[in-house]
Amino acid sequence: MPKYYVNKNAQPNGDHEVHKEECNWLPLTENRIYLGFHDNCHSAVREARKHYDQVNGCLHCSEACHTG
């Protein structure tokens, strides 16, 4: 199971993106919150919603959860 993180810094549209640990677009350590190990991005996004109302999957590493 991969480790997931959510970006503390919102995108211009307000989304806080969820990333796998190996993602090339993973935020710096100080700019992310650890979400734990998850079977899939859907579970990680649910966990991220405990921190932020507006959450989206990363287009590159969590494409199944990316809503555009």
PDB file of N, CA and C in Angstrom:
ATOM      1  N   MET A   1       0.845  -1.191   0.000  1.00  0.00           N
ATOM      2  CA  MET A   1       0.000   0.000   0.000  1.00  0.00           C
ATOM      3  C   MET A   1       0.885   1.247   0.000  1.00  0.00           C
ATOM      4  N   PRO A   2       0.549   2.190  -0.846  1.00  0.00           N
ATOM      5  CA  PRO A   2       1.330   3.434  -0.876  1.00  0.00           C
ATOM      6  C   PRO A   2       0.955   4.393   0.259  1.00  0.00           C
ATOM      7  N   LYS A   3       1.917   5.253   0.600  1.00  0.00           N
ATOM      8  CA  LYS A   3       1.671   6.347   1.544  1.00  0.00           C
ATOM      9  C   LYS A   3       1.108   7.517   0.749  1.00  0.00           C
ATOM     10  N   TYR A   4       0.162   8.223   1.351  1.00  0.00           N
ATOM     11  CA  TYR A   4      -0.451   9.388   0.712  1.00  0.00           C
ATOM     12  C   TYR A   4      -0.285  10.623   1.586  1.00  0.00           C
ATOM     13  N   TYR A   5      -0.283  11.770   0.910  1.00  0.00           N
ATOM     14  CA  TYR A   5      -0.162  13.079   1.559  1.00  0.00           C
ATOM     15  C   TYR A   5      -1.137  14.043   0.901  1.00  0.00           C
ATOM     16  N   VAL A   6      -1.518  15.072   1.641  1.00  0.00           N
ATOM     17  CA  VAL A   6      -2.308  16.153   1.059  1.00  0.00           C
ATOM     18  C   VAL A   6      -1.502  17.440   1.164  1.00  0.00           C
ATOM     19  N   ASN A   7      -1.563  18.221   0.112  1.00  0.00           N
ATOM     20  CA  ASN A   7      -0.847  19.492   0.046  1.00  0.00           C
ATOM     21  C   ASN A   7      -1.542  20.513   0.949  1.00  0.00           C
ATOM     22  N   LYS A   8      -0.793  21.141   1.834  1.00  0.00           N
ATOM     23  CA  LYS A   8      -1.335  22.199   2.688  1.00  0.00           C
ATOM     24  C   LYS A   8      -1.679  23.440   1.878  1.00  0.00           C
ATOM     25  N   ASN A   9      -0.978  23.646   0.772  1.00  0.00           N
ATOM     26  CA  ASN A   9      -1.199  24.819  -0.074  1.00  0.00           C
ATOM     27  C   ASN A   9      -2.226  24.486  -1.148  1.00  0.00           C
ATOM     28  N   ALA A  10      -3.271  25.247  -1.201  1.00  0.00           N
ATOM     29  CA  ALA A  10      -4.327  25.027  -2.190  1.00  0.00           C
ATOM     30  C   ALA A  10      -3.876  25.464  -3.583  1.00  0.00           C
ATOM     31  N   GLN A  11      -4.423  24.809  -4.573  1.00  0.00           N
ATOM     32  CA  GLN A  11      -4.244  25.206  -5.968  1.00  0.00           C
ATOM     33  C   GLN A  11      -5.010  26.516  -6.181  1.00  0.00           C
ATOM     34  N   PRO A  12      -4.797  27.198  -7.306  1.00  0.00           N
ATOM     35  CA  PRO A  12      -5.520  28.456  -7.553  1.00  0.00           C
ATOM     36  C   PRO A  12      -7.051  28.320  -7.464  1.00  0.00           C
ATOM     37  N   ASN A  13      -7.573  27.125  -7.752  1.00  0.00           N
ATOM     38  CA  ASN A  13      -9.026  26.912  -7.692  1.00  0.00           C
ATOM     39  C   ASN A  13      -9.506  26.515  -6.294  1.00  0.00           C
ATOM     40  N   GLY A  14      -8.578  26.415  -5.327  1.00  0.00           N
ATOM     41  CA  GLY A  14      -8.938  26.082  -3.950  1.00  0.00           C
ATOM     42  C   GLY A  14      -8.743  24.627  -3.565  1.00  0.00           C
ATOM     43  N   ASP A  15      -8.416  23.767  -4.523  1.00  0.00           N
ATOM     44  CA  ASP A  15      -8.213  22.343  -4.243  1.00  0.00           C
ATOM     45  C   ASP A  15      -6.920  22.093  -3.472  1.00  0.00           C
ATOM     46  N   HIS A  16      -6.987  21.188  -2.510  1.00  0.00           N
ATOM     47  CA  HIS A  16      -5.810  20.651  -1.839  1.00  0.00           C
ATOM     48  C   HIS A  16      -5.591  19.271  -2.441  1.00  0.00           C
ATOM     49  N   GLU A  17      -4.484  19.088  -3.146  1.00  0.00           N
ATOM     50  CA  GLU A  17      -4.267  17.858  -3.899  1.00  0.00           C
ATOM     51  C   GLU A  17      -3.671  16.741  -3.050  1.00  0.00           C
ATOM     52  N   VAL A  18      -4.152  15.528  -3.324  1.00  0.00           N
ATOM     53  CA  VAL A  18      -3.672  14.319  -2.673  1.00  0.00           C
ATOM     54  C   VAL A  18      -2.635  13.655  -3.575  1.00  0.00           C
ATOM     55  N   HIS A  19      -1.486  13.286  -2.975  1.00  0.00           N
ATOM     56  CA  HIS A  19      -0.374  12.696  -3.720  1.00  0.00           C
ATOM     57  C   HIS A  19       0.107  11.403  -3.070  1.00  0.00           C
ATOM     58  N   LYS A  20       0.596  10.488  -3.898  1.00  0.00           N
ATOM     59  CA  LYS A  20       1.330   9.329  -3.401  1.00  0.00           C
ATOM     60  C   LYS A  20       2.750   9.786  -3.062  1.00  0.00           C
ATOM     61  N   GLU A  21       3.394   9.047  -2.174  1.00  0.00           N
ATOM     62  CA  GLU A  21       4.735   9.425  -1.725  1.00  0.00           C
ATOM     63  C   GLU A  21       5.740   9.506  -2.874  1.00  0.00           C
ATOM     64  N   GLU A  22       5.608   8.670  -3.889  1.00  0.00           N
ATOM     65  CA  GLU A  22       6.593   8.646  -4.981  1.00  0.00           C
ATOM     66  C   GLU A  22       6.287   9.640  -6.106  1.00  0.00           C
ATOM     67  N   CYS A  23       5.266  10.459  -5.954  1.00  0.00           N
ATOM     68  CA  CYS A  23       4.869  11.421  -6.992  1.00  0.00           C
ATOM     69  C   CYS A  23       5.948  12.486  -7.218  1.00  0.00           C
ATOM     70  N   ASN A  24       6.185  12.814  -8.465  1.00  0.00           N
ATOM     71  CA  ASN A  24       7.135  13.875  -8.809  1.00  0.00           C
ATOM     72  C   ASN A  24       6.648  15.250  -8.365  1.00  0.00           C
ATOM     73  N   TRP A  25       5.359  15.405  -8.116  1.00  0.00           N
ATOM     74  CA  TRP A  25       4.767  16.685  -7.713  1.00  0.00           C
ATOM     75  C   TRP A  25       4.429  16.709  -6.223  1.00  0.00           C
ATOM     76  N   LEU A  26       4.983  15.764  -5.451  1.00  0.00           N
ATOM     77  CA  LEU A  26       4.769  15.738  -4.005  1.00  0.00           C
ATOM     78  C   LEU A  26       5.296  17.039  -3.400  1.00  0.00           C
ATOM     79  N   PRO A  27       4.492  17.710  -2.579  1.00  0.00           N
ATOM     80  CA  PRO A  27       4.959  18.962  -1.966  1.00  0.00           C
ATOM     81  C   PRO A  27       6.123  18.714  -0.996  1.00  0.00           C
ATOM     82  N   LEU A  28       6.838  19.769  -0.699  1.00  0.00           N
ATOM     83  CA  LEU A  28       7.905  19.709   0.299  1.00  0.00           C
ATOM     84  C   LEU A  28       7.330  19.255   1.641  1.00  0.00           C
ATOM     85  N   THR A  29       8.167  18.672   2.461  1.00  0.00           N
ATOM     86  CA  THR A  29       7.743  18.126   3.760  1.00  0.00           C
ATOM     87  C   THR A  29       6.928  19.129   4.574  1.00  0.00           C
ATOM     88  N   GLU A  30       7.370  20.366   4.596  1.00  0.00           N
ATOM     89  CA  GLU A  30       6.668  21.376   5.410  1.00  0.00           C
ATOM     90  C   GLU A  30       5.331  21.808   4.807  1.00  0.00           C
ATOM     91  N   ASN A  31       5.070  21.405   3.582  1.00  0.00           N
ATOM     92  CA  ASN A  31       3.838  21.808   2.895  1.00  0.00           C
ATOM     93  C   ASN A  31       2.866  20.655   2.681  1.00  0.00           C
ATOM     94  N   ARG A  32       3.009  19.592   3.474  1.00  0.00           N
ATOM     95  CA  ARG A  32       2.113  18.453   3.281  1.00  0.00           C
ATOM     96  C   ARG A  32       1.717  17.838   4.613  1.00  0.00           C
ATOM     97  N   ILE A  33       0.587  17.139   4.594  1.00  0.00           N
ATOM     98  CA  ILE A  33       0.080  16.414   5.758  1.00  0.00           C
ATOM     99  C   ILE A  33       0.042  14.939   5.392  1.00  0.00           C
ATOM    100  N   TYR A  34       0.623  14.115   6.245  1.00  0.00           N
ATOM    101  CA  TYR A  34       0.638  12.671   6.030  1.00  0.00           C
ATOM    102  C   TYR A  34      -0.755  12.099   6.269  1.00  0.00           C
ATOM    103  N   LEU A  35      -1.244  11.331   5.311  1.00  0.00           N
ATOM    104  CA  LEU A  35      -2.577  10.738   5.397  1.00  0.00           C
ATOM    105  C   LEU A  35      -2.544   9.260   5.755  1.00  0.00           C
ATOM    106  N   GLY A  36      -1.370   8.648   5.711  1.00  0.00           N
ATOM    107  CA  GLY A  36      -1.251   7.239   6.042  1.00  0.00           C
ATOM    108  C   GLY A  36      -1.170   6.357   4.805  1.00  0.00           C
ATOM    109  N   PHE A  37      -1.182   5.050   5.043  1.00  0.00           N
ATOM    110  CA  PHE A  37      -1.192   4.058   3.969  1.00  0.00           C
ATOM    111  C   PHE A  37      -2.633   3.833   3.515  1.00  0.00           C
ATOM    112  N   HIS A  38      -2.835   3.782   2.205  1.00  0.00           N
ATOM    113  CA  HIS A  38      -4.181   3.562   1.660  1.00  0.00           C
ATOM    114  C   HIS A  38      -4.107   2.625   0.466  1.00  0.00           C
ATOM    115  N   ASP A  39      -5.159   1.816   0.316  1.00  0.00           N
ATOM    116  CA  ASP A  39      -5.253   0.898  -0.825  1.00  0.00           C
ATOM    117  C   ASP A  39      -5.415   1.643  -2.134  1.00  0.00           C
ATOM    118  N   ASN A  40      -6.044   2.815  -2.064  1.00  0.00           N
ATOM    119  CA  ASN A  40      -6.322   3.569  -3.285  1.00  0.00           C
ATOM    120  C   ASN A  40      -6.492   5.050  -2.953  1.00  0.00           C
ATOM    121  N   CYS A  41      -6.551   5.848  -4.000  1.00  0.00           N
ATOM    122  CA  CYS A  41      -6.661   7.296  -3.803  1.00  0.00           C
ATOM    123  C   CYS A  41      -8.017   7.697  -3.221  1.00  0.00           C
ATOM    124  N   HIS A  42      -9.055   6.923  -3.470  1.00  0.00           N
ATOM    125  CA  HIS A  42     -10.383   7.273  -2.947  1.00  0.00           C
ATOM    126  C   HIS A  42     -10.375   7.299  -1.416  1.00  0.00           C
ATOM    127  N   SER A  43      -9.744   6.314  -0.835  1.00  0.00           N
ATOM    128  CA  SER A  43      -9.619   6.258   0.618  1.00  0.00           C
ATOM    129  C   SER A  43      -8.775   7.423   1.134  1.00  0.00           C
ATOM    130  N   ALA A  44      -7.689   7.739   0.424  1.00  0.00           N
ATOM    131  CA  ALA A  44      -6.826   8.855   0.821  1.00  0.00           C
ATOM    132  C   ALA A  44      -7.558  10.191   0.715  1.00  0.00           C
ATOM    133  N   VAL A  45      -8.363  10.371  -0.304  1.00  0.00           N
ATOM    134  CA  VAL A  45      -9.141  11.604  -0.465  1.00  0.00           C
ATOM    135  C   VAL A  45     -10.142  11.744   0.685  1.00  0.00           C
ATOM    136  N   ARG A  46     -10.784  10.657   1.072  1.00  0.00           N
ATOM    137  CA  ARG A  46     -11.706  10.713   2.218  1.00  0.00           C
ATOM    138  C   ARG A  46     -10.973  11.165   3.482  1.00  0.00           C
ATOM    139  N   GLU A  47      -9.766  10.650   3.683  1.00  0.00           N
ATOM    140  CA  GLU A  47      -8.970  11.046   4.841  1.00  0.00           C
ATOM    141  C   GLU A  47      -8.579  12.526   4.749  1.00  0.00           C
ATOM    142  N   ALA A  48      -8.207  12.984   3.559  1.00  0.00           N
ATOM    143  CA  ALA A  48      -7.821  14.384   3.365  1.00  0.00           C
ATOM    144  C   ALA A  48      -8.988  15.329   3.651  1.00  0.00           C
ATOM    145  N   ARG A  49     -10.203  14.880   3.423  1.00  0.00           N
ATOM    146  CA  ARG A  49     -11.390  15.720   3.683  1.00  0.00           C
ATOM    147  C   ARG A  49     -11.611  15.962   5.170  1.00  0.00           C
ATOM    148  N   LYS A  50     -10.899  15.245   6.002  1.00  0.00           N
ATOM    149  CA  LYS A  50     -10.940  15.522   7.443  1.00  0.00           C
ATOM    150  C   LYS A  50     -10.146  16.794   7.756  1.00  0.00           C
ATOM    151  N   HIS A  51      -9.268  17.184   6.827  1.00  0.00           N
ATOM    152  CA  HIS A  51      -8.431  18.375   6.997  1.00  0.00           C
ATOM    153  C   HIS A  51      -8.938  19.565   6.177  1.00  0.00           C
ATOM    154  N   TYR A  52      -9.449  19.283   4.978  1.00  0.00           N
ATOM    155  CA  TYR A  52      -9.876  20.340   4.055  1.00  0.00           C
ATOM    156  C   TYR A  52     -11.191  19.949   3.387  1.00  0.00           C
ATOM    157  N   ASP A  53     -12.033  20.934   3.132  1.00  0.00           N
ATOM    158  CA  ASP A  53     -13.308  20.684   2.458  1.00  0.00           C
ATOM    159  C   ASP A  53     -13.130  20.437   0.964  1.00  0.00           C
ATOM    160  N   GLN A  54     -12.207  21.131   0.365  1.00  0.00           N
ATOM    161  CA  GLN A  54     -12.020  21.049  -1.095  1.00  0.00           C
ATOM    162  C   GLN A  54     -10.750  20.257  -1.382  1.00  0.00           C
ATOM    163  N   VAL A  55     -10.920  19.009  -1.811  1.00  0.00           N
ATOM    164  CA  VAL A  55      -9.812  18.084  -2.036  1.00  0.00           C
ATOM    165  C   VAL A  55      -9.948  17.462  -3.417  1.00  0.00           C
ATOM    166  N   ASN A  56      -8.812  17.194  -4.049  1.00  0.00           N
ATOM    167  CA  ASN A  56      -8.787  16.585  -5.375  1.00  0.00           C
ATOM    168  C   ASN A  56      -7.566  15.684  -5.459  1.00  0.00           C
ATOM    169  N   GLY A  57      -7.644  14.645  -6.269  1.00  0.00           N
ATOM    170  CA  GLY A  57      -6.495  13.787  -6.508  1.00  0.00           C
ATOM    171  C   GLY A  57      -5.541  14.433  -7.497  1.00  0.00           C
ATOM    172  N   CYS A  58      -4.273  14.164  -7.336  1.00  0.00           N
ATOM    173  CA  CYS A  58      -3.252  14.660  -8.264  1.00  0.00           C
ATOM    174  C   CYS A  58      -3.470  14.028  -9.642  1.00  0.00           C
ATOM    175  N   LEU A  59      -3.408  14.835 -10.667  1.00  0.00           N
ATOM    176  CA  LEU A  59      -3.577  14.357 -12.034  1.00  0.00           C
ATOM    177  C   LEU A  59      -2.539  13.299 -12.394  1.00  0.00           C
ATOM    178  N   HIS A  60      -1.365  13.369 -11.802  1.00  0.00           N
ATOM    179  CA  HIS A  60      -0.255  12.497 -12.202  1.00  0.00           C
ATOM    180  C   HIS A  60      -0.158  11.205 -11.397  1.00  0.00           C
ATOM    181  N   CYS A  61      -0.468  11.240 -10.110  1.00  0.00           N
ATOM    182  CA  CYS A  61      -0.300  10.031  -9.295  1.00  0.00           C
ATOM    183  C   CYS A  61      -1.613   9.486  -8.729  1.00  0.00           C
ATOM    184  N   SER A  62      -2.670  10.265  -8.778  1.00  0.00           N
ATOM    185  CA  SER A  62      -3.981   9.844  -8.257  1.00  0.00           C
ATOM    186  C   SER A  62      -5.059  10.176  -9.292  1.00  0.00           C
ATOM    187  N   GLU A  63      -4.785   9.818 -10.524  1.00  0.00           N
ATOM    188  CA  GLU A  63      -5.636  10.200 -11.652  1.00  0.00           C
ATOM    189  C   GLU A  63      -7.087   9.740 -11.475  1.00  0.00           C
ATOM    190  N   ALA A  64      -7.293   8.578 -10.866  1.00  0.00           N
ATOM    191  CA  ALA A  64      -8.661   8.067 -10.663  1.00  0.00           C
ATOM    192  C   ALA A  64      -9.479   8.984  -9.766  1.00  0.00           C
ATOM    193  N   CYS A  65      -8.817   9.808  -8.971  1.00  0.00           N
ATOM    194  CA  CYS A  65      -9.497  10.726  -8.043  1.00  0.00           C
ATOM    195  C   CYS A  65      -9.421  12.174  -8.501  1.00  0.00           C
ATOM    196  N   HIS A  66      -8.825  12.405  -9.642  1.00  0.00           N
ATOM    197  CA  HIS A  66      -8.705  13.777 -10.156  1.00  0.00           C
ATOM    198  C   HIS A  66      -9.988  14.148 -10.888  1.00  0.00           C
ATOM    199  N   THR A  67     -10.612  15.232 -10.443  1.00  0.00           N
ATOM    200  CA  THR A  67     -11.898  15.635 -11.043  1.00  0.00           C
ATOM    201  C   THR A  67     -11.772  16.818 -11.989  1.00  0.00           C
ATOM    202  N   GLY A  68     -10.553  17.284 -12.209  1.00  0.00           N
ATOM    203  CA  GLY A  68     -10.375  18.372 -13.165  1.00  0.00           C
ATOM    204  C   GLY A  68     -10.266  19.722 -12.569  1.00  0.00           C
TER     205      GLY A  68
END
